[in-house]
Amino acid sequence: MLSLNDYLYSGDTVLKILHCYSDDLRENGIKNHNQIDLVHSNFLIRISELLQHNEFLTSQSQRILEFYKFMAREYPFLAFTLKGRIKSLIRAEEKFNGKIVGLVYKHYLANGTFPSLPELKDKLSKIRDLIAYRFVISLPRCHLAQGQNRESEEIKYLYELANALPEILEEHGFASQLASSNTAQAGSPLCEDVRPYYKDYIFGQKEAGYRSLHITLYDNLSRSFAEVQLRTKDMDDFAEIGPANHLGYEKRQEAERARRDKIPVGECQYFDEAYERGMMLQKLDLSKIDVNMFSAVDNSLINDGCGLFRGRLILPYEHLSRFQNDLID
């Protein structure tokens, strides 16, 4: 079985690693009639193309910025940030293999059988968050009226922004995509006409405490998908530096082991390989790997300027409360 871990010790660039891993997966898929390896190879090619041919990001990010301008104009009392990123190689590999493990596990629990190959391939083709933009808002205490609760006021504004976002961005070449799962529940503050497009992890909060609103957009100009996330600062802190942080592996490892215990070893090759790859990545010691332009003292002290681990930053913008800049003139 091929795994990304095998390619991280040669001193190659991220692009060279992507090409080598993708080529070998394709060769292995053809040789062993493993169609998931072929899907995997194509998935890595998509990432490689984003990193190599990303001129479209200038146009895309500028059009996403139109919503930022709307926020600055209509909500001058809010402070907020806008960031964009391409999912890093390690995160993307975790996502792909985790998707297989989750799909097989859910299908097996529900039916006692494994999903068909066409079903797996269809679901894997719908990973659409390789490009993501995040709006994080905060309501300064000086703008709170007496007796107002800061958290509830921020959430109120967050849903107002979520309701406005699809129409504004559709005017600039984007098309909102129906949420594939975890669709926002009836009764949430989302308007009825936008609710089907959102994954609402606030009203329908995840067990781990992660909270955010997610919507997937199709960019008709670049013919690519992008995910937009909306959070309050407290939600973002919880996700990035709190218990929900991607770096906190213990709960994830426990969940993955529980899934492994339910699926008979050797019964589903795709599950076995995806599970093993995922566990290998979780145990990866970043300080030991050798990738050009990457250095890590340990798993916490990391300098990643190449999109290997944390992700390649597309754009950062910050709007301070009651601060207007040239972007909204």
C-alpha atoms as a PDB file:
ATOM      1  CA  MET A   1       0.000   0.000   0.000  1.00  0.00           C
ATOM      2  CA  LEU A   2       1.283   3.451  -0.938  1.00  0.00           C
ATOM      3  CA  SER A   3       1.045   6.273   1.591  1.00  0.00           C
ATOM      4  CA  LEU A   4       2.011   9.931   1.658  1.00  0.00           C
ATOM      5  CA  ASN A   5       4.352   9.276   4.582  1.00  0.00           C
ATOM      6  CA  ASP A   6       6.710   7.403   2.250  1.00  0.00           C
ATOM      7  CA  TYR A   7       7.376  10.580   0.243  1.00  0.00           C
ATOM      8  CA  LEU A   8       8.095  13.058   3.040  1.00  0.00           C
ATOM      9  CA  TYR A   9      11.759  12.282   3.761  1.00  0.00           C
ATOM     10  CA  SER A  10      13.490  12.983   0.455  1.00  0.00           C
ATOM     11  CA  GLY A  11      13.951  16.753   0.688  1.00  0.00           C
ATOM     12  CA  ASP A  12      11.685  17.260  -2.343  1.00  0.00           C
ATOM     13  CA  THR A  13       9.357  20.213  -2.793  1.00  0.00           C
ATOM     14  CA  VAL A  14       5.647  19.845  -2.068  1.00  0.00           C
ATOM     15  CA  LEU A  15       4.922  19.877  -5.807  1.00  0.00           C
ATOM     16  CA  LYS A  16       7.478  17.119  -6.478  1.00  0.00           C
ATOM     17  CA  ILE A  17       5.949  15.054  -3.666  1.00  0.00           C
ATOM     18  CA  LEU A  18       2.477  15.578  -5.113  1.00  0.00           C
ATOM     19  CA  HIS A  19       3.581  14.525  -8.578  1.00  0.00           C
ATOM     20  CA  CYS A  20       5.458  11.434  -7.393  1.00  0.00           C
ATOM     21  CA  TYR A  21       2.718  10.242  -5.049  1.00  0.00           C
ATOM     22  CA  SER A  22      -0.007  10.882  -7.618  1.00  0.00           C
ATOM     23  CA  ASP A  23       1.904   9.118 -10.413  1.00  0.00           C
ATOM     24  CA  ASP A  24       2.614   6.091  -8.245  1.00  0.00           C
ATOM     25  CA  LEU A  25      -1.015   5.853  -7.118  1.00  0.00           C
ATOM     26  CA  ARG A  26      -2.137   5.968 -10.726  1.00  0.00           C
ATOM     27  CA  GLU A  27       0.346   3.266 -11.751  1.00  0.00           C
ATOM     28  CA  ASN A  28      -0.699   1.110  -8.798  1.00  0.00           C
ATOM     29  CA  GLY A  29      -4.387   1.673  -9.549  1.00  0.00           C
ATOM     30  CA  ILE A  30      -3.970   0.538 -13.160  1.00  0.00           C
ATOM     31  CA  LYS A  31      -1.810  -2.433 -12.248  1.00  0.00           C
ATOM     32  CA  ASN A  32      -4.103  -3.707  -9.468  1.00  0.00           C
ATOM     33  CA  HIS A  33      -7.426  -2.506 -10.893  1.00  0.00           C
ATOM     34  CA  ASN A  34      -7.852  -0.300  -7.829  1.00  0.00           C
ATOM     35  CA  GLN A  35     -10.234   2.436  -8.924  1.00  0.00           C
ATOM     36  CA  ILE A  36     -10.054   4.298  -5.611  1.00  0.00           C
ATOM     37  CA  ASP A  37      -6.314   4.737  -6.121  1.00  0.00           C
ATOM     38  CA  LEU A  38      -7.141   6.321  -9.491  1.00  0.00           C
ATOM     39  CA  VAL A  39      -9.669   8.668  -7.845  1.00  0.00           C
ATOM     40  CA  HIS A  40      -7.046   9.441  -5.195  1.00  0.00           C
ATOM     41  CA  SER A  41      -4.481  10.253  -7.887  1.00  0.00           C
ATOM     42  CA  ASN A  42      -6.897  12.631  -9.611  1.00  0.00           C
ATOM     43  CA  PHE A  43      -7.649  14.309  -6.282  1.00  0.00           C
ATOM     44  CA  LEU A  44      -3.940  15.033  -5.781  1.00  0.00           C
ATOM     45  CA  ILE A  45      -3.697  16.392  -9.317  1.00  0.00           C
ATOM     46  CA  ARG A  46      -6.390  18.931  -8.446  1.00  0.00           C
ATOM     47  CA  ILE A  47      -4.291  20.160  -5.515  1.00  0.00           C
ATOM     48  CA  SER A  48      -1.187  20.305  -7.666  1.00  0.00           C
ATOM     49  CA  GLU A  49      -2.983  22.386 -10.282  1.00  0.00           C
ATOM     50  CA  LEU A  50      -4.205  24.821  -7.624  1.00  0.00           C
ATOM     51  CA  LEU A  51      -0.645  25.349  -6.424  1.00  0.00           C
ATOM     52  CA  GLN A  52       0.842  25.690  -9.901  1.00  0.00           C
ATOM     53  CA  HIS A  53      -1.815  27.498 -11.924  1.00  0.00           C
ATOM     54  CA  ASN A  54      -3.514  29.793  -9.446  1.00  0.00           C
ATOM     55  CA  GLU A  55      -3.845  33.038 -11.395  1.00  0.00           C
ATOM     56  CA  PHE A  56      -7.612  32.653 -11.063  1.00  0.00           C
ATOM     57  CA  LEU A  57      -7.266  33.179  -7.294  1.00  0.00           C
ATOM     58  CA  THR A  58      -6.649  36.878  -7.873  1.00  0.00           C
ATOM     59  CA  SER A  59     -10.006  37.241  -9.594  1.00  0.00           C
ATOM     60  CA  GLN A  60     -11.786  34.907  -7.203  1.00  0.00           C
ATOM     61  CA  SER A  61     -10.502  36.522  -4.028  1.00  0.00           C
ATOM     62  CA  GLN A  62     -11.304  40.010  -5.334  1.00  0.00           C
ATOM     63  CA  ARG A  63     -14.885  38.937  -5.990  1.00  0.00           C
ATOM     64  CA  ILE A  64     -15.153  37.331  -2.528  1.00  0.00           C
ATOM     65  CA  LEU A  65     -13.914  40.687  -1.281  1.00  0.00           C
ATOM     66  CA  GLU A  66     -17.169  42.259  -2.487  1.00  0.00           C
ATOM     67  CA  PHE A  67     -18.898  40.673   0.483  1.00  0.00           C
ATOM     68  CA  TYR A  68     -16.181  42.055   2.752  1.00  0.00           C
ATOM     69  CA  LYS A  69     -16.966  45.526   1.386  1.00  0.00           C
ATOM     70  CA  PHE A  70     -20.665  44.952   2.023  1.00  0.00           C
ATOM     71  CA  MET A  71     -19.908  44.041   5.628  1.00  0.00           C
ATOM     72  CA  ALA A  72     -17.723  47.103   6.137  1.00  0.00           C
ATOM     73  CA  ARG A  73     -20.423  49.330   4.677  1.00  0.00           C
ATOM     74  CA  GLU A  74     -23.472  47.850   6.414  1.00  0.00           C
ATOM     75  CA  TYR A  75     -21.884  46.770   9.714  1.00  0.00           C
ATOM     76  CA  PRO A  76     -19.251  49.454  10.513  1.00  0.00           C
ATOM     77  CA  PHE A  77     -19.527  48.701  14.236  1.00  0.00           C
ATOM     78  CA  LEU A  78     -18.258  45.134  13.765  1.00  0.00           C
ATOM     79  CA  ALA A  79     -14.627  44.096  13.685  1.00  0.00           C
ATOM     80  CA  PHE A  80     -13.909  41.210  11.332  1.00  0.00           C
ATOM     81  CA  THR A  81     -11.281  39.398   9.328  1.00  0.00           C
ATOM     82  CA  LEU A  82     -11.307  37.659   5.959  1.00  0.00           C
ATOM     83  CA  LYS A  83      -8.771  34.980   5.194  1.00  0.00           C
ATOM     84  CA  GLY A  84      -8.411  32.539   2.322  1.00  0.00           C
ATOM     85  CA  ARG A  85      -6.405  29.359   1.980  1.00  0.00           C
ATOM     86  CA  ILE A  86      -5.728  26.360  -0.210  1.00  0.00           C
ATOM     87  CA  LYS A  87      -5.980  23.154   1.812  1.00  0.00           C
ATOM     88  CA  SER A  88      -2.503  21.848   2.538  1.00  0.00           C
ATOM     89  CA  LEU A  89      -1.207  18.526   1.297  1.00  0.00           C
ATOM     90  CA  ILE A  90      -1.337  16.793   4.683  1.00  0.00           C
ATOM     91  CA  ARG A  91      -4.809  18.147   5.492  1.00  0.00           C
ATOM     92  CA  ALA A  92      -6.098  17.167   2.047  1.00  0.00           C
ATOM     93  CA  GLU A  93      -4.723  13.639   2.426  1.00  0.00           C
ATOM     94  CA  GLU A  94      -6.365  13.362   5.842  1.00  0.00           C
ATOM     95  CA  LYS A  95      -9.631  14.585   4.344  1.00  0.00           C
ATOM     96  CA  PHE A  96      -9.624  12.113   1.458  1.00  0.00           C
ATOM     97  CA  ASN A  97      -8.880   9.066   3.582  1.00  0.00           C
ATOM     98  CA  GLY A  98     -11.154  10.188   6.405  1.00  0.00           C
ATOM     99  CA  LYS A  99     -13.982  10.523   3.893  1.00  0.00           C
ATOM    100  CA  ILE A 100     -13.579   6.889   2.838  1.00  0.00           C
ATOM    101  CA  VAL A 101     -13.465   5.670   6.442  1.00  0.00           C
ATOM    102  CA  GLY A 102     -16.563   7.677   7.360  1.00  0.00           C
ATOM    103  CA  LEU A 103     -18.576   6.626   4.309  1.00  0.00           C
ATOM    104  CA  VAL A 104     -17.820   2.926   4.695  1.00  0.00           C
ATOM    105  CA  TYR A 105     -18.472   3.017   8.446  1.00  0.00           C
ATOM    106  CA  LYS A 106     -21.862   4.754   8.161  1.00  0.00           C
ATOM    107  CA  HIS A 107     -23.017   2.495   5.339  1.00  0.00           C
ATOM    108  CA  TYR A 108     -21.943  -0.648   7.200  1.00  0.00           C
ATOM    109  CA  LEU A 109     -23.701   0.393  10.413  1.00  0.00           C
ATOM    110  CA  ALA A 110     -26.908   1.176   8.537  1.00  0.00           C
ATOM    111  CA  ASN A 111     -26.975  -1.775   6.138  1.00  0.00           C
ATOM    112  CA  GLY A 112     -24.486  -4.399   7.259  1.00  0.00           C
ATOM    113  CA  THR A 113     -22.885  -4.131   3.826  1.00  0.00           C
ATOM    114  CA  PHE A 114     -20.268  -1.927   2.180  1.00  0.00           C
ATOM    115  CA  PRO A 115     -21.034   0.919  -0.209  1.00  0.00           C
ATOM    116  CA  SER A 116     -20.684   0.183  -3.903  1.00  0.00           C
ATOM    117  CA  LEU A 117     -17.639   1.397  -5.794  1.00  0.00           C
ATOM    118  CA  PRO A 118     -19.690   3.878  -7.888  1.00  0.00           C
ATOM    119  CA  GLU A 119     -21.187   5.328  -4.696  1.00  0.00           C
ATOM    120  CA  LEU A 120     -17.758   5.747  -3.115  1.00  0.00           C
ATOM    121  CA  LYS A 121     -16.347   7.369  -6.245  1.00  0.00           C
ATOM    122  CA  ASP A 122     -19.297   9.753  -6.449  1.00  0.00           C
ATOM    123  CA  LYS A 123     -18.918  10.877  -2.834  1.00  0.00           C
ATOM    124  CA  LEU A 124     -15.150  11.321  -3.140  1.00  0.00           C
ATOM    125  CA  SER A 125     -15.598  13.492  -6.215  1.00  0.00           C
ATOM    126  CA  LYS A 126     -17.610  15.931  -4.086  1.00  0.00           C
ATOM    127  CA  ILE A 127     -14.781  17.075  -1.821  1.00  0.00           C
ATOM    128  CA  ARG A 128     -15.150  20.777  -2.533  1.00  0.00           C
ATOM    129  CA  ASP A 129     -13.275  22.622   0.207  1.00  0.00           C
ATOM    130  CA  LEU A 130      -9.769  22.636  -1.275  1.00  0.00           C
ATOM    131  CA  ILE A 131     -10.185  26.422  -1.478  1.00  0.00           C
ATOM    132  CA  ALA A 132     -11.809  28.088   1.514  1.00  0.00           C
ATOM    133  CA  TYR A 133     -12.466  31.621   2.724  1.00  0.00           C
ATOM    134  CA  ARG A 134     -13.294  32.506   6.306  1.00  0.00           C
ATOM    135  CA  PHE A 135     -15.090  35.533   7.709  1.00  0.00           C
ATOM    136  CA  VAL A 136     -14.618  35.955  11.459  1.00  0.00           C
ATOM    137  CA  ILE A 137     -16.609  38.662  13.234  1.00  0.00           C
ATOM    138  CA  SER A 138     -16.430  40.282  16.650  1.00  0.00           C
ATOM    139  CA  LEU A 139     -18.656  42.868  18.319  1.00  0.00           C
ATOM    140  CA  PRO A 140     -16.523  45.197  20.471  1.00  0.00           C
ATOM    141  CA  ARG A 141     -17.876  45.634  23.997  1.00  0.00           C
ATOM    142  CA  CYS A 142     -18.109  49.394  23.473  1.00  0.00           C
ATOM    143  CA  HIS A 143     -20.946  48.773  21.008  1.00  0.00           C
ATOM    144  CA  LEU A 144     -22.995  46.619  23.384  1.00  0.00           C
ATOM    145  CA  ALA A 145     -26.064  48.247  24.882  1.00  0.00           C
ATOM    146  CA  GLN A 146     -26.667  47.736  28.575  1.00  0.00           C
ATOM    147  CA  GLY A 147     -28.070  44.300  29.242  1.00  0.00           C
ATOM    148  CA  GLN A 148     -27.110  42.880  25.834  1.00  0.00           C
ATOM    149  CA  ASN A 149     -25.310  39.533  25.688  1.00  0.00           C
ATOM    150  CA  ARG A 150     -22.255  39.729  23.455  1.00  0.00           C
ATOM    151  CA  GLU A 151     -22.384  36.129  22.233  1.00  0.00           C
ATOM    152  CA  SER A 152     -26.057  36.228  21.298  1.00  0.00           C
ATOM    153  CA  GLU A 153     -25.635  39.580  19.530  1.00  0.00           C
ATOM    154  CA  GLU A 154     -22.664  38.283  17.513  1.00  0.00           C
ATOM    155  CA  ILE A 155     -24.593  35.157  16.509  1.00  0.00           C
ATOM    156  CA  LYS A 156     -27.537  37.324  15.450  1.00  0.00           C
ATOM    157  CA  TYR A 157     -25.263  39.346  13.150  1.00  0.00           C
ATOM    158  CA  LEU A 158     -23.576  36.189  11.879  1.00  0.00           C
ATOM    159  CA  TYR A 159     -26.897  34.791  10.676  1.00  0.00           C
ATOM    160  CA  GLU A 160     -27.833  38.135   9.116  1.00  0.00           C
ATOM    161  CA  LEU A 161     -24.607  38.006   7.125  1.00  0.00           C
ATOM    162  CA  ALA A 162     -25.196  34.383   6.186  1.00  0.00           C
ATOM    163  CA  ASN A 163     -28.624  35.254   4.834  1.00  0.00           C
ATOM    164  CA  ALA A 164     -27.176  38.061   2.699  1.00  0.00           C
ATOM    165  CA  LEU A 165     -24.085  36.270   1.381  1.00  0.00           C
ATOM    166  CA  PRO A 166     -25.523  34.002  -1.375  1.00  0.00           C
ATOM    167  CA  GLU A 167     -27.307  36.771  -3.265  1.00  0.00           C
ATOM    168  CA  ILE A 168     -24.363  39.184  -3.094  1.00  0.00           C
ATOM    169  CA  LEU A 169     -21.806  36.658  -4.310  1.00  0.00           C
ATOM    170  CA  GLU A 170     -24.112  35.292  -6.993  1.00  0.00           C
ATOM    171  CA  GLU A 171     -24.059  38.812  -8.463  1.00  0.00           C
ATOM    172  CA  HIS A 172     -20.287  38.347  -8.832  1.00  0.00           C
ATOM    173  CA  GLY A 173     -20.142  35.033 -10.649  1.00  0.00           C
ATOM    174  CA  PHE A 174     -20.692  32.468  -7.884  1.00  0.00           C
ATOM    175  CA  ALA A 175     -23.466  29.873  -7.612  1.00  0.00           C
ATOM    176  CA  SER A 176     -24.488  28.515  -4.206  1.00  0.00           C
ATOM    177  CA  GLN A 177     -24.455  24.729  -3.989  1.00  0.00           C
ATOM    178  CA  LEU A 178     -27.004  22.659  -2.098  1.00  0.00           C
ATOM    179  CA  ALA A 179     -25.454  21.240   1.073  1.00  0.00           C
ATOM    180  CA  SER A 180     -24.754  17.537   0.635  1.00  0.00           C
ATOM    181  CA  SER A 181     -25.227  16.672   4.309  1.00  0.00           C
ATOM    182  CA  ASN A 182     -25.742  18.188   7.760  1.00  0.00           C
ATOM    183  CA  THR A 183     -28.161  20.630   6.187  1.00  0.00           C
ATOM    184  CA  ALA A 184     -29.342  23.468   8.401  1.00  0.00           C
ATOM    185  CA  GLN A 185     -32.300  22.456  10.514  1.00  0.00           C
ATOM    186  CA  ALA A 186     -35.771  23.933  10.367  1.00  0.00           C
ATOM    187  CA  GLY A 187     -36.122  26.607  13.023  1.00  0.00           C
ATOM    188  CA  SER A 188     -32.599  27.957  12.610  1.00  0.00           C
ATOM    189  CA  PRO A 189     -32.152  31.726  12.066  1.00  0.00           C
ATOM    190  CA  LEU A 190     -31.276  31.074   8.431  1.00  0.00           C
ATOM    191  CA  CYS A 191     -33.896  32.238   5.956  1.00  0.00           C
ATOM    192  CA  GLU A 192     -35.857  29.505   4.257  1.00  0.00           C
ATOM    193  CA  ASP A 193     -34.507  30.273   0.799  1.00  0.00           C
ATOM    194  CA  VAL A 194     -30.830  30.053   1.841  1.00  0.00           C
ATOM    195  CA  ARG A 195     -31.102  27.293   4.452  1.00  0.00           C
ATOM    196  CA  PRO A 196     -30.617  24.383   2.000  1.00  0.00           C
ATOM    197  CA  TYR A 197     -27.209  25.760   0.999  1.00  0.00           C
ATOM    198  CA  TYR A 198     -25.681  25.850   4.473  1.00  0.00           C
ATOM    199  CA  LYS A 199     -24.107  23.350   6.791  1.00  0.00           C
ATOM    200  CA  ASP A 200     -25.109  24.870  10.119  1.00  0.00           C
ATOM    201  CA  TYR A 201     -22.788  23.794  12.916  1.00  0.00           C
ATOM    202  CA  ILE A 202     -24.156  26.454  15.280  1.00  0.00           C
ATOM    203  CA  PHE A 203     -27.861  25.689  15.462  1.00  0.00           C
ATOM    204  CA  GLY A 204     -26.976  22.032  14.900  1.00  0.00           C
ATOM    205  CA  GLN A 205     -23.756  22.068  16.945  1.00  0.00           C
ATOM    206  CA  LYS A 206     -21.285  19.203  16.595  1.00  0.00           C
ATOM    207  CA  GLU A 207     -20.533  17.008  19.605  1.00  0.00           C
ATOM    208  CA  ALA A 208     -16.963  18.296  19.860  1.00  0.00           C
ATOM    209  CA  GLY A 209     -18.239  21.855  20.286  1.00  0.00           C
ATOM    210  CA  TYR A 210     -17.148  23.085  16.851  1.00  0.00           C
ATOM    211  CA  ARG A 211     -19.396  25.922  15.639  1.00  0.00           C
ATOM    212  CA  SER A 212     -19.434  27.547  12.225  1.00  0.00           C
ATOM    213  CA  LEU A 213     -21.585  28.148   9.157  1.00  0.00           C
ATOM    214  CA  HIS A 214     -20.333  26.622   5.902  1.00  0.00           C
ATOM    215  CA  ILE A 215     -21.541  27.233   2.366  1.00  0.00           C
ATOM    216  CA  THR A 216     -20.041  25.873  -0.881  1.00  0.00           C
ATOM    217  CA  LEU A 217     -19.924  28.084  -3.950  1.00  0.00           C
ATOM    218  CA  TYR A 218     -19.180  27.255  -7.563  1.00  0.00           C
ATOM    219  CA  ASP A 219     -17.079  29.925  -9.253  1.00  0.00           C
ATOM    220  CA  ASN A 220     -18.418  30.112 -12.796  1.00  0.00           C
ATOM    221  CA  LEU A 221     -15.438  32.151 -13.967  1.00  0.00           C
ATOM    222  CA  SER A 222     -12.694  29.772 -12.840  1.00  0.00           C
ATOM    223  CA  ARG A 223     -14.906  26.657 -12.877  1.00  0.00           C
ATOM    224  CA  SER A 224     -13.850  25.651  -9.396  1.00  0.00           C
ATOM    225  CA  PHE A 225     -15.501  25.187  -6.013  1.00  0.00           C
ATOM    226  CA  ALA A 226     -14.784  27.256  -2.912  1.00  0.00           C
ATOM    227  CA  GLU A 227     -16.089  26.981   0.618  1.00  0.00           C
ATOM    228  CA  VAL A 228     -16.985  30.051   2.693  1.00  0.00           C
ATOM    229  CA  GLN A 229     -17.060  29.795   6.486  1.00  0.00           C
ATOM    230  CA  LEU A 230     -18.611  32.324   8.859  1.00  0.00           C
ATOM    231  CA  ARG A 231     -17.734  32.385  12.569  1.00  0.00           C
ATOM    232  CA  THR A 232     -17.530  34.635  15.575  1.00  0.00           C
ATOM    233  CA  LYS A 233     -14.093  35.174  17.092  1.00  0.00           C
ATOM    234  CA  ASP A 234     -14.932  32.863  20.012  1.00  0.00           C
ATOM    235  CA  MET A 235     -15.943  30.122  17.578  1.00  0.00           C
ATOM    236  CA  ASP A 236     -12.757  30.647  15.583  1.00  0.00           C
ATOM    237  CA  ASP A 237     -10.553  30.564  18.694  1.00  0.00           C
ATOM    238  CA  PHE A 238     -12.227  27.326  19.777  1.00  0.00           C
ATOM    239  CA  ALA A 239     -11.629  25.764  16.356  1.00  0.00           C
ATOM    240  CA  GLU A 240      -8.069  27.018  15.840  1.00  0.00           C
ATOM    241  CA  ILE A 241      -6.491  27.035  19.295  1.00  0.00           C
ATOM    242  CA  GLY A 242      -9.088  25.323  21.486  1.00  0.00           C
ATOM    243  CA  PRO A 243     -10.274  21.716  21.909  1.00  0.00           C
ATOM    244  CA  ALA A 244     -11.595  21.531  18.344  1.00  0.00           C
ATOM    245  CA  ASN A 245      -8.164  22.419  16.924  1.00  0.00           C
ATOM    246  CA  HIS A 246      -7.055  20.101  14.107  1.00  0.00           C
ATOM    247  CA  LEU A 247      -3.874  19.402  16.063  1.00  0.00           C
ATOM    248  CA  GLY A 248      -5.780  17.679  18.917  1.00  0.00           C
ATOM    249  CA  TYR A 249      -5.646  14.121  17.695  1.00  0.00           C
ATOM    250  CA  GLU A 250      -6.635  12.095  20.769  1.00  0.00           C
ATOM    251  CA  LYS A 251     -10.402  12.182  20.298  1.00  0.00           C
ATOM    252  CA  ARG A 252     -10.064  11.678  16.577  1.00  0.00           C
ATOM    253  CA  GLN A 253      -7.840   8.667  17.103  1.00  0.00           C
ATOM    254  CA  GLU A 254     -10.341   7.187  19.551  1.00  0.00           C
ATOM    255  CA  ALA A 255     -13.183   7.690  17.065  1.00  0.00           C
ATOM    256  CA  GLU A 256     -11.156   6.138  14.244  1.00  0.00           C
ATOM    257  CA  ARG A 257     -10.224   3.136  16.371  1.00  0.00           C
ATOM    258  CA  ALA A 258     -13.899   2.642  17.252  1.00  0.00           C
ATOM    259  CA  ARG A 259     -14.716   2.582  13.547  1.00  0.00           C
ATOM    260  CA  ARG A 260     -11.889   0.137  12.894  1.00  0.00           C
ATOM    261  CA  ASP A 261     -13.293  -2.187  15.563  1.00  0.00           C
ATOM    262  CA  LYS A 262     -16.659  -2.279  13.807  1.00  0.00           C
ATOM    263  CA  ILE A 263     -15.397  -3.126  10.327  1.00  0.00           C
ATOM    264  CA  PRO A 264     -14.020  -6.660   9.854  1.00  0.00           C
ATOM    265  CA  VAL A 265     -10.373  -6.525   8.785  1.00  0.00           C
ATOM    266  CA  GLY A 266      -9.892  -7.718   5.221  1.00  0.00           C
ATOM    267  CA  GLU A 267     -13.543  -7.327   4.240  1.00  0.00           C
ATOM    268  CA  CYS A 268     -13.196  -3.914   2.593  1.00  0.00           C
ATOM    269  CA  GLN A 269      -9.836  -3.094   1.049  1.00  0.00           C
ATOM    270  CA  TYR A 270     -10.697   0.573   0.573  1.00  0.00           C
ATOM    271  CA  PHE A 271     -11.550   1.004   4.249  1.00  0.00           C
ATOM    272  CA  ASP A 272      -8.447  -0.882   5.398  1.00  0.00           C
ATOM    273  CA  GLU A 273      -6.087   1.212   3.274  1.00  0.00           C
ATOM    274  CA  ALA A 274      -7.751   4.556   4.061  1.00  0.00           C
ATOM    275  CA  TYR A 275      -7.786   3.804   7.782  1.00  0.00           C
ATOM    276  CA  GLU A 276      -4.110   2.829   7.769  1.00  0.00           C
ATOM    277  CA  ARG A 277      -3.100   5.938   5.818  1.00  0.00           C
ATOM    278  CA  GLY A 278      -5.068   8.151   8.174  1.00  0.00           C
ATOM    279  CA  MET A 279      -3.521   6.647  11.289  1.00  0.00           C
ATOM    280  CA  MET A 280      -0.027   6.968   9.807  1.00  0.00           C
ATOM    281  CA  LEU A 281      -0.610  10.667   9.196  1.00  0.00           C
ATOM    282  CA  GLN A 282      -1.891  11.221  12.724  1.00  0.00           C
ATOM    283  CA  LYS A 283       1.276   9.647  14.104  1.00  0.00           C
ATOM    284  CA  LEU A 284       3.543  11.640  11.789  1.00  0.00           C
ATOM    285  CA  ASP A 285       6.369  13.449  13.618  1.00  0.00           C
ATOM    286  CA  LEU A 286       6.733  16.652  11.630  1.00  0.00           C
ATOM    287  CA  SER A 287      10.133  17.398  13.147  1.00  0.00           C
ATOM    288  CA  LYS A 288      11.560  14.271  11.472  1.00  0.00           C
ATOM    289  CA  ILE A 289      10.383  14.858   7.909  1.00  0.00           C
ATOM    290  CA  ASP A 290      12.511  16.525   5.215  1.00  0.00           C
ATOM    291  CA  VAL A 291      10.542  18.678   2.771  1.00  0.00           C
ATOM    292  CA  ASN A 292      12.094  21.627   0.995  1.00  0.00           C
ATOM    293  CA  MET A 293      10.981  25.011   2.455  1.00  0.00           C
ATOM    294  CA  PHE A 294       9.508  23.303   5.528  1.00  0.00           C
ATOM    295  CA  SER A 295      10.941  23.145   9.040  1.00  0.00           C
ATOM    296  CA  ALA A 296       9.506  21.948  12.332  1.00  0.00           C
ATOM    297  CA  VAL A 297      11.212  21.885  15.717  1.00  0.00           C
ATOM    298  CA  ASP A 298       8.344  19.730  16.963  1.00  0.00           C
ATOM    299  CA  ASN A 299       4.647  19.274  16.214  1.00  0.00           C
ATOM    300  CA  SER A 300       3.888  22.688  17.718  1.00  0.00           C
ATOM    301  CA  LEU A 301       6.790  24.867  16.535  1.00  0.00           C
ATOM    302  CA  ILE A 302       6.339  24.799  12.789  1.00  0.00           C
ATOM    303  CA  ASN A 303       7.376  27.113   9.972  1.00  0.00           C
ATOM    304  CA  ASP A 304       5.336  26.156   6.935  1.00  0.00           C
ATOM    305  CA  GLY A 305       5.626  28.524   4.036  1.00  0.00           C
ATOM    306  CA  CYS A 306       4.801  25.988   1.343  1.00  0.00           C
ATOM    307  CA  GLY A 307       1.337  24.612   2.047  1.00  0.00           C
ATOM    308  CA  LEU A 308       2.533  21.284   3.410  1.00  0.00           C
ATOM    309  CA  PHE A 309       0.801  21.405   6.759  1.00  0.00           C
ATOM    310  CA  ARG A 310      -1.239  24.444   7.764  1.00  0.00           C
ATOM    311  CA  GLY A 311      -2.267  25.555   4.296  1.00  0.00           C
ATOM    312  CA  ARG A 312      -1.249  28.189   1.795  1.00  0.00           C
ATOM    313  CA  LEU A 313      -2.706  31.607   2.644  1.00  0.00           C
ATOM    314  CA  ILE A 314      -4.491  33.322  -0.246  1.00  0.00           C
ATOM    315  CA  LEU A 315      -5.371  36.625   1.391  1.00  0.00           C
ATOM    316  CA  PRO A 316      -5.722  38.239   4.810  1.00  0.00           C
ATOM    317  CA  TYR A 317      -7.869  41.332   5.419  1.00  0.00           C
ATOM    318  CA  GLU A 318      -8.868  42.914   8.706  1.00  0.00           C
ATOM    319  CA  HIS A 319     -11.590  45.472   9.263  1.00  0.00           C
ATOM    320  CA  LEU A 320     -11.524  47.278  12.599  1.00  0.00           C
ATOM    321  CA  SER A 321     -14.717  48.537  14.146  1.00  0.00           C
ATOM    322  CA  ARG A 322     -15.703  51.951  12.718  1.00  0.00           C
ATOM    323  CA  PHE A 323     -12.560  51.941  10.587  1.00  0.00           C
ATOM    324  CA  GLN A 324     -13.114  52.582   6.873  1.00  0.00           C
ATOM    325  CA  ASN A 325     -10.341  51.997   4.358  1.00  0.00           C
ATOM    326  CA  ASP A 326      -9.833  52.441   0.640  1.00  0.00           C
ATOM    327  CA  LEU A 327     -11.484  49.143  -0.169  1.00  0.00           C
ATOM    328  CA  ILE A 328     -14.979  50.501   0.447  1.00  0.00           C
ATOM    329  CA  ASP A 329     -14.630  53.878  -1.255  1.00  0.00           C
END
